[in-house]
């Protein structure tokens, strides 16, 4: 079931985000490095609290995937606002 993340999901989300970052490190170790756990906790907390972001999870017998969606208003001289 896909649903909006809840505060109770925070620990599982931090673990998933850490696992995803570890995957990136394995692919491009010259580009990525492993920050401490507080980095991942902060990023998840920010996504849960900000008005311009939503955090969604797949919860099939526990949280096993997530998506962070960021909403951006574009208002530039060469485009109509959207």
PDB file of N, CA and C in Angstrom:
ATOM      1  N   UNK A   1       0.839  -1.174   0.000  1.00  0.00           N
ATOM      2  CA  UNK A   1       0.000   0.000   0.000  1.00  0.00           C
ATOM      3  C   UNK A   1       0.891   1.247   0.000  1.00  0.00           C
ATOM      4  N   UNK A   2       0.629   2.155  -0.896  1.00  0.00           N
ATOM      5  CA  UNK A   2       1.356   3.414  -0.940  1.00  0.00           C
ATOM      6  C   UNK A   2       0.565   4.435  -0.125  1.00  0.00           C
ATOM      7  N   UNK A   3       1.295   5.132   0.752  1.00  0.00           N
ATOM      8  CA  UNK A   3       0.651   6.105   1.631  1.00  0.00           C
ATOM      9  C   UNK A   3       1.647   7.195   1.991  1.00  0.00           C
ATOM     10  N   UNK A   4       1.127   8.275   2.545  1.00  0.00           N
ATOM     11  CA  UNK A   4       1.986   9.339   3.033  1.00  0.00           C
ATOM     12  C   UNK A   4       2.739   8.851   4.262  1.00  0.00           C
ATOM     13  N   UNK A   5       3.995   9.239   4.363  1.00  0.00           N
ATOM     14  CA  UNK A   5       4.809   8.832   5.507  1.00  0.00           C
ATOM     15  C   UNK A   5       4.272   9.460   6.792  1.00  0.00           C
ATOM     16  N   UNK A   6       4.481   8.741   7.875  1.00  0.00           N
ATOM     17  CA  UNK A   6       4.068   9.187   9.201  1.00  0.00           C
ATOM     18  C   UNK A   6       5.298   9.225  10.100  1.00  0.00           C
ATOM     19  N   UNK A   7       5.236   9.986  11.190  1.00  0.00           N
ATOM     20  CA  UNK A   7       6.392  10.052  12.098  1.00  0.00           C
ATOM     21  C   UNK A   7       6.893   8.682  12.557  1.00  0.00           C
ATOM     22  N   UNK A   8       6.006   7.713  12.694  1.00  0.00           N
ATOM     23  CA  UNK A   8       6.413   6.369  13.137  1.00  0.00           C
ATOM     24  C   UNK A   8       7.316   5.664  12.123  1.00  0.00           C
ATOM     25  N   UNK A   9       7.360   6.161  10.876  1.00  0.00           N
ATOM     26  CA  UNK A   9       8.163   5.555   9.816  1.00  0.00           C
ATOM     27  C   UNK A   9       9.607   6.058   9.805  1.00  0.00           C
ATOM     28  N   UNK A  10       9.914   7.046  10.601  1.00  0.00           N
ATOM     29  CA  UNK A  10      11.190   7.745  10.524  1.00  0.00           C
ATOM     30  C   UNK A  10      12.403   6.813  10.576  1.00  0.00           C
ATOM     31  N   UNK A  11      12.451   5.896  11.522  1.00  0.00           N
ATOM     32  CA  UNK A  11      13.619   5.008  11.660  1.00  0.00           C
ATOM     33  C   UNK A  11      13.796   4.129  10.425  1.00  0.00           C
ATOM     34  N   UNK A  12      12.704   3.579   9.907  1.00  0.00           N
ATOM     35  CA  UNK A  12      12.803   2.755   8.700  1.00  0.00           C
ATOM     36  C   UNK A  12      13.228   3.590   7.494  1.00  0.00           C
ATOM     37  N   UNK A  13      12.760   4.823   7.417  1.00  0.00           N
ATOM     38  CA  UNK A  13      13.138   5.692   6.306  1.00  0.00           C
ATOM     39  C   UNK A  13      14.616   6.053   6.360  1.00  0.00           C
ATOM     40  N   UNK A  14      15.115   6.317   7.543  1.00  0.00           N
ATOM     41  CA  UNK A  14      16.552   6.611   7.693  1.00  0.00           C
ATOM     42  C   UNK A  14      17.371   5.409   7.240  1.00  0.00           C
ATOM     43  N   UNK A  15      16.949   4.207   7.623  1.00  0.00           N
ATOM     44  CA  UNK A  15      17.659   2.998   7.202  1.00  0.00           C
ATOM     45  C   UNK A  15      17.625   2.826   5.678  1.00  0.00           C
ATOM     46  N   UNK A  16      16.467   3.047   5.064  1.00  0.00           N
ATOM     47  CA  UNK A  16      16.347   2.913   3.606  1.00  0.00           C
ATOM     48  C   UNK A  16      17.187   3.958   2.881  1.00  0.00           C
ATOM     49  N   UNK A  17      17.161   5.183   3.370  1.00  0.00           N
ATOM     50  CA  UNK A  17      17.934   6.255   2.745  1.00  0.00           C
ATOM     51  C   UNK A  17      19.431   5.964   2.858  1.00  0.00           C
ATOM     52  N   UNK A  18      19.850   5.443   4.003  1.00  0.00           N
ATOM     53  CA  UNK A  18      21.252   5.069   4.196  1.00  0.00           C
ATOM     54  C   UNK A  18      21.645   3.954   3.224  1.00  0.00           C
ATOM     55  N   UNK A  19      20.774   2.973   3.073  1.00  0.00           N
ATOM     56  CA  UNK A  19      21.033   1.870   2.142  1.00  0.00           C
ATOM     57  C   UNK A  19      21.141   2.378   0.702  1.00  0.00           C
ATOM     58  N   UNK A  20      20.259   3.285   0.321  1.00  0.00           N
ATOM     59  CA  UNK A  20      20.303   3.858  -1.019  1.00  0.00           C
ATOM     60  C   UNK A  20      21.610   4.623  -1.237  1.00  0.00           C
ATOM     61  N   UNK A  21      22.024   5.378  -0.242  1.00  0.00           N
ATOM     62  CA  UNK A  21      23.262   6.145  -0.372  1.00  0.00           C
ATOM     63  C   UNK A  21      24.481   5.216  -0.460  1.00  0.00           C
ATOM     64  N   UNK A  22      24.444   4.137   0.293  1.00  0.00           N
ATOM     65  CA  UNK A  22      25.530   3.147   0.230  1.00  0.00           C
ATOM     66  C   UNK A  22      25.637   2.572  -1.189  1.00  0.00           C
ATOM     67  N   UNK A  23      24.506   2.361  -1.823  1.00  0.00           N
ATOM     68  CA  UNK A  23      24.479   1.882  -3.209  1.00  0.00           C
ATOM     69  C   UNK A  23      25.171   2.896  -4.125  1.00  0.00           C
ATOM     70  N   UNK A  24      24.872   4.177  -3.944  1.00  0.00           N
ATOM     71  CA  UNK A  24      25.515   5.214  -4.745  1.00  0.00           C
ATOM     72  C   UNK A  24      27.023   5.248  -4.511  1.00  0.00           C
ATOM     73  N   UNK A  25      27.438   5.051  -3.284  1.00  0.00           N
ATOM     74  CA  UNK A  25      28.871   5.019  -2.978  1.00  0.00           C
ATOM     75  C   UNK A  25      29.552   3.876  -3.728  1.00  0.00           C
ATOM     76  N   UNK A  26      28.903   2.724  -3.761  1.00  0.00           N
ATOM     77  CA  UNK A  26      29.475   1.583  -4.478  1.00  0.00           C
ATOM     78  C   UNK A  26      29.597   1.853  -5.971  1.00  0.00           C
ATOM     79  N   UNK A  27      28.659   2.595  -6.534  1.00  0.00           N
ATOM     80  CA  UNK A  27      28.708   2.917  -7.965  1.00  0.00           C
ATOM     81  C   UNK A  27      29.750   3.979  -8.288  1.00  0.00           C
ATOM     82  N   UNK A  28      29.818   5.004  -7.462  1.00  0.00           N
ATOM     83  CA  UNK A  28      30.689   6.154  -7.742  1.00  0.00           C
ATOM     84  C   UNK A  28      31.432   6.585  -6.472  1.00  0.00           C
ATOM     85  N   UNK A  29      32.368   5.776  -5.998  1.00  0.00           N
ATOM     86  CA  UNK A  29      33.069   6.129  -4.756  1.00  0.00           C
ATOM     87  C   UNK A  29      33.897   7.403  -4.866  1.00  0.00           C
ATOM     88  N   UNK A  30      34.252   7.789  -6.077  1.00  0.00           N
ATOM     89  CA  UNK A  30      35.014   9.024  -6.250  1.00  0.00           C
ATOM     90  C   UNK A  30      34.125  10.267  -6.104  1.00  0.00           C
ATOM     91  N   UNK A  31      32.818  10.073  -6.109  1.00  0.00           N
ATOM     92  CA  UNK A  31      31.876  11.179  -6.039  1.00  0.00           C
ATOM     93  C   UNK A  31      31.133  11.235  -4.703  1.00  0.00           C
ATOM     94  N   UNK A  32      30.736  10.067  -4.192  1.00  0.00           N
ATOM     95  CA  UNK A  32      29.936   9.994  -2.972  1.00  0.00           C
ATOM     96  C   UNK A  32      30.774   9.561  -1.778  1.00  0.00           C
ATOM     97  N   UNK A  33      30.431  10.085  -0.607  1.00  0.00           N
ATOM     98  CA  UNK A  33      31.022   9.626   0.648  1.00  0.00           C
ATOM     99  C   UNK A  33      29.896   9.439   1.657  1.00  0.00           C
ATOM    100  N   UNK A  34      30.168   8.701   2.712  1.00  0.00           N
ATOM    101  CA  UNK A  34      29.137   8.390   3.695  1.00  0.00           C
ATOM    102  C   UNK A  34      29.132   9.431   4.811  1.00  0.00           C
ATOM    103  N   UNK A  35      28.051  10.214   4.893  1.00  0.00           N
ATOM    104  CA  UNK A  35      27.922  11.141   6.020  1.00  0.00           C
ATOM    105  C   UNK A  35      27.472  10.383   7.267  1.00  0.00           C
ATOM    106  N   UNK A  36      27.459  11.064   8.397  1.00  0.00           N
ATOM    107  CA  UNK A  36      26.992  10.386   9.606  1.00  0.00           C
ATOM    108  C   UNK A  36      25.463  10.290   9.596  1.00  0.00           C
ATOM    109  N   UNK A  37      24.941   9.509  10.509  1.00  0.00           N
ATOM    110  CA  UNK A  37      23.508   9.198  10.540  1.00  0.00           C
ATOM    111  C   UNK A  37      22.639  10.450  10.676  1.00  0.00           C
ATOM    112  N   UNK A  38      23.165  11.477  11.336  1.00  0.00           N
ATOM    113  CA  UNK A  38      22.368  12.691  11.534  1.00  0.00           C
ATOM    114  C   UNK A  38      22.002  13.359  10.197  1.00  0.00           C
ATOM    115  N   UNK A  39      22.839  13.184   9.182  1.00  0.00           N
ATOM    116  CA  UNK A  39      22.521  13.726   7.855  1.00  0.00           C
ATOM    117  C   UNK A  39      21.222  13.113   7.329  1.00  0.00           C
ATOM    118  N   UNK A  40      21.130  11.793   7.392  1.00  0.00           N
ATOM    119  CA  UNK A  40      19.944  11.096   6.885  1.00  0.00           C
ATOM    120  C   UNK A  40      18.716  11.431   7.727  1.00  0.00           C
ATOM    121  N   UNK A  41      18.897  11.506   9.034  1.00  0.00           N
ATOM    122  CA  UNK A  41      17.790  11.878   9.919  1.00  0.00           C
ATOM    123  C   UNK A  41      17.287  13.276   9.591  1.00  0.00           C
ATOM    124  N   UNK A  42      18.205  14.195   9.345  1.00  0.00           N
ATOM    125  CA  UNK A  42      17.826  15.565   9.005  1.00  0.00           C
ATOM    126  C   UNK A  42      17.096  15.667   7.682  1.00  0.00           C
ATOM    127  N   UNK A  43      17.568  14.928   6.684  1.00  0.00           N
ATOM    128  CA  UNK A  43      16.923  14.958   5.374  1.00  0.00           C
ATOM    129  C   UNK A  43      15.504  14.390   5.440  1.00  0.00           C
ATOM    130  N   UNK A  44      15.329  13.307   6.166  1.00  0.00           N
ATOM    131  CA  UNK A  44      13.992  12.714   6.318  1.00  0.00           C
ATOM    132  C   UNK A  44      13.090  13.652   7.105  1.00  0.00           C
ATOM    133  N   UNK A  45      13.595  14.218   8.184  1.00  0.00           N
ATOM    134  CA  UNK A  45      12.792  15.157   8.977  1.00  0.00           C
ATOM    135  C   UNK A  45      12.376  16.359   8.144  1.00  0.00           C
ATOM    136  N   UNK A  46      13.301  16.882   7.360  1.00  0.00           N
ATOM    137  CA  UNK A  46      12.996  18.026   6.506  1.00  0.00           C
ATOM    138  C   UNK A  46      11.894  17.687   5.509  1.00  0.00           C
ATOM    139  N   UNK A  47      11.997  16.529   4.895  1.00  0.00           N
ATOM    140  CA  UNK A  47      10.982  16.121   3.914  1.00  0.00           C
ATOM    141  C   UNK A  47       9.621  15.955   4.566  1.00  0.00           C
ATOM    142  N   UNK A  48       9.598  15.548   5.826  1.00  0.00           N
ATOM    143  CA  UNK A  48       8.327  15.343   6.519  1.00  0.00           C
ATOM    144  C   UNK A  48       7.708  16.662   6.992  1.00  0.00           C
ATOM    145  N   UNK A  49       8.529  17.671   7.229  1.00  0.00           N
ATOM    146  CA  UNK A  49       8.033  18.899   7.833  1.00  0.00           C
ATOM    147  C   UNK A  49       7.802  20.052   6.863  1.00  0.00           C
ATOM    148  N   UNK A  50       8.483  20.045   5.744  1.00  0.00           N
ATOM    149  CA  UNK A  50       8.398  21.192   4.831  1.00  0.00           C
ATOM    150  C   UNK A  50       7.087  21.200   4.049  1.00  0.00           C
ATOM    151  N   UNK A  51       6.596  22.396   3.802  1.00  0.00           N
ATOM    152  CA  UNK A  51       5.348  22.542   3.052  1.00  0.00           C
ATOM    153  C   UNK A  51       5.531  22.265   1.567  1.00  0.00           C
ATOM    154  N   UNK A  52       6.753  22.397   1.053  1.00  0.00           N
ATOM    155  CA  UNK A  52       6.971  22.204  -0.379  1.00  0.00           C
ATOM    156  C   UNK A  52       7.420  20.785  -0.718  1.00  0.00           C
ATOM    157  N   UNK A  53       7.377  19.878   0.257  1.00  0.00           N
ATOM    158  CA  UNK A  53       7.758  18.484   0.012  1.00  0.00           C
ATOM    159  C   UNK A  53       6.716  17.543   0.606  1.00  0.00           C
ATOM    160  N   UNK A  54       6.612  16.381  -0.005  1.00  0.00           N
ATOM    161  CA  UNK A  54       5.812  15.284   0.552  1.00  0.00           C
ATOM    162  C   UNK A  54       6.654  14.032   0.509  1.00  0.00           C
ATOM    163  N   UNK A  55       6.489  13.208   1.499  1.00  0.00           N
ATOM    164  CA  UNK A  55       7.218  11.954   1.608  1.00  0.00           C
ATOM    165  C   UNK A  55       6.199  10.825   1.602  1.00  0.00           C
ATOM    166  N   UNK A  56       6.344   9.937   0.620  1.00  0.00           N
ATOM    167  CA  UNK A  56       5.429   8.816   0.451  1.00  0.00           C
ATOM    168  C   UNK A  56       6.201   7.514   0.630  1.00  0.00           C
ATOM    169  N   UNK A  57       5.529   6.499   1.134  1.00  0.00           N
ATOM    170  CA  UNK A  57       6.173   5.209   1.371  1.00  0.00           C
ATOM    171  C   UNK A  57       5.333   4.089   0.772  1.00  0.00           C
ATOM    172  N   UNK A  58       6.009   2.994   0.454  1.00  0.00           N
ATOM    173  CA  UNK A  58       5.335   1.747   0.139  1.00  0.00           C
ATOM    174  C   UNK A  58       5.384   0.915   1.418  1.00  0.00           C
ATOM    175  N   UNK A  59       4.234   0.552   1.907  1.00  0.00           N
ATOM    176  CA  UNK A  59       4.147  -0.173   3.175  1.00  0.00           C
ATOM    177  C   UNK A  59       3.473  -1.520   2.938  1.00  0.00           C
ATOM    178  N   UNK A  60       4.260  -2.477   2.507  1.00  0.00           N
ATOM    179  CA  UNK A  60       3.799  -3.855   2.362  1.00  0.00           C
ATOM    180  C   UNK A  60       4.569  -4.676   3.388  1.00  0.00           C
ATOM    181  N   UNK A  61       3.934  -4.927   4.519  1.00  0.00           N
ATOM    182  CA  UNK A  61       4.600  -5.617   5.634  1.00  0.00           C
ATOM    183  C   UNK A  61       5.829  -4.849   6.100  1.00  0.00           C
ATOM    184  N   UNK A  62       5.689  -3.556   6.270  1.00  0.00           N
ATOM    185  CA  UNK A  62       6.778  -2.684   6.670  1.00  0.00           C
ATOM    186  C   UNK A  62       7.175  -1.770   5.518  1.00  0.00           C
ATOM    187  N   UNK A  63       7.753  -0.647   5.861  1.00  0.00           N
ATOM    188  CA  UNK A  63       8.169   0.325   4.855  1.00  0.00           C
ATOM    189  C   UNK A  63       9.356  -0.240   4.089  1.00  0.00           C
ATOM    190  N   UNK A  64       9.196  -0.372   2.762  1.00  0.00           N
ATOM    191  CA  UNK A  64      10.278  -0.950   1.960  1.00  0.00           C
ATOM    192  C   UNK A  64      10.681  -0.078   0.767  1.00  0.00           C
ATOM    193  N   UNK A  65      10.062   1.086   0.634  1.00  0.00           N
ATOM    194  CA  UNK A  65      10.430   2.019  -0.430  1.00  0.00           C
ATOM    195  C   UNK A  65       9.871   3.390  -0.073  1.00  0.00           C
ATOM    196  N   UNK A  66      10.504   4.429  -0.629  1.00  0.00           N
ATOM    197  CA  UNK A  66      10.001   5.772  -0.374  1.00  0.00           C
ATOM    198  C   UNK A  66      10.260   6.673  -1.575  1.00  0.00           C
ATOM    199  N   UNK A  67       9.509   7.760  -1.611  1.00  0.00           N
ATOM    200  CA  UNK A  67       9.704   8.792  -2.628  1.00  0.00           C
ATOM    201  C   UNK A  67       9.510  10.142  -1.962  1.00  0.00           C
ATOM    202  N   UNK A  68      10.417  11.062  -2.260  1.00  0.00           N
ATOM    203  CA  UNK A  68      10.282  12.436  -1.787  1.00  0.00           C
ATOM    204  C   UNK A  68       9.881  13.272  -2.995  1.00  0.00           C
ATOM    205  N   UNK A  69       8.777  13.970  -2.860  1.00  0.00           N
ATOM    206  CA  UNK A  69       8.257  14.797  -3.937  1.00  0.00           C
ATOM    207  C   UNK A  69       8.396  16.254  -3.513  1.00  0.00           C
ATOM    208  N   UNK A  70       9.025  17.049  -4.359  1.00  0.00           N
ATOM    209  CA  UNK A  70       9.188  18.470  -4.064  1.00  0.00           C
ATOM    210  C   UNK A  70       8.372  19.277  -5.058  1.00  0.00           C
ATOM    211  N   UNK A  71       7.603  20.221  -4.529  1.00  0.00           N
ATOM    212  CA  UNK A  71       6.768  21.083  -5.347  1.00  0.00           C
ATOM    213  C   UNK A  71       7.487  22.415  -5.537  1.00  0.00           C
ATOM    214  N   UNK A  72       7.615  22.829  -6.783  1.00  0.00           N
ATOM    215  CA  UNK A  72       8.321  24.061  -7.093  1.00  0.00           C
ATOM    216  C   UNK A  72       7.447  24.946  -7.974  1.00  0.00           C
ATOM    217  N   UNK A  73       7.267  26.189  -7.564  1.00  0.00           N
ATOM    218  CA  UNK A  73       6.588  27.169  -8.397  1.00  0.00           C
ATOM    219  C   UNK A  73       7.621  27.798  -9.319  1.00  0.00           C
ATOM    220  N   UNK A  74       7.295  27.841 -10.590  1.00  0.00           N
ATOM    221  CA  UNK A  74       8.196  28.451 -11.552  1.00  0.00           C
ATOM    222  C   UNK A  74       7.559  29.757 -12.026  1.00  0.00           C
ATOM    223  N   UNK A  75       8.244  30.845 -11.813  1.00  0.00           N
ATOM    224  CA  UNK A  75       7.774  32.150 -12.258  1.00  0.00           C
ATOM    225  C   UNK A  75       8.984  32.903 -12.796  1.00  0.00           C
ATOM    226  N   UNK A  76       9.213  32.729 -14.102  1.00  0.00           N
ATOM    227  CA  UNK A  76      10.365  33.350 -14.749  1.00  0.00           C
ATOM    228  C   UNK A  76       9.888  34.245 -15.875  1.00  0.00           C
ATOM    229  N   UNK A  77      10.736  35.151 -16.293  1.00  0.00           N
ATOM    230  CA  UNK A  77      10.372  36.115 -17.332  1.00  0.00           C
ATOM    231  C   UNK A  77      10.027  35.447 -18.665  1.00  0.00           C
ATOM    232  N   UNK A  78      10.608  34.282 -18.927  1.00  0.00           N
ATOM    233  CA  UNK A  78      10.388  33.626 -20.220  1.00  0.00           C
ATOM    234  C   UNK A  78       9.261  32.597 -20.194  1.00  0.00           C
ATOM    235  N   UNK A  79       8.568  32.459 -19.079  1.00  0.00           N
ATOM    236  CA  UNK A  79       7.497  31.460 -18.970  1.00  0.00           C
ATOM    237  C   UNK A  79       6.321  32.006 -18.195  1.00  0.00           C
ATOM    238  N   UNK A  80       5.175  31.412 -18.435  1.00  0.00           N
ATOM    239  CA  UNK A  80       4.021  31.702 -17.601  1.00  0.00           C
ATOM    240  C   UNK A  80       4.205  30.962 -16.280  1.00  0.00           C
ATOM    241  N   UNK A  81       3.782  31.562 -15.174  1.00  0.00           N
ATOM    242  CA  UNK A  81       3.931  30.881 -13.875  1.00  0.00           C
ATOM    243  C   UNK A  81       3.184  29.546 -13.855  1.00  0.00           C
ATOM    244  N   UNK A  82       3.805  28.552 -13.240  1.00  0.00           N
ATOM    245  CA  UNK A  82       3.129  27.259 -13.020  1.00  0.00           C
ATOM    246  C   UNK A  82       3.666  26.630 -11.766  1.00  0.00           C
TER     247      UNK A  82
END
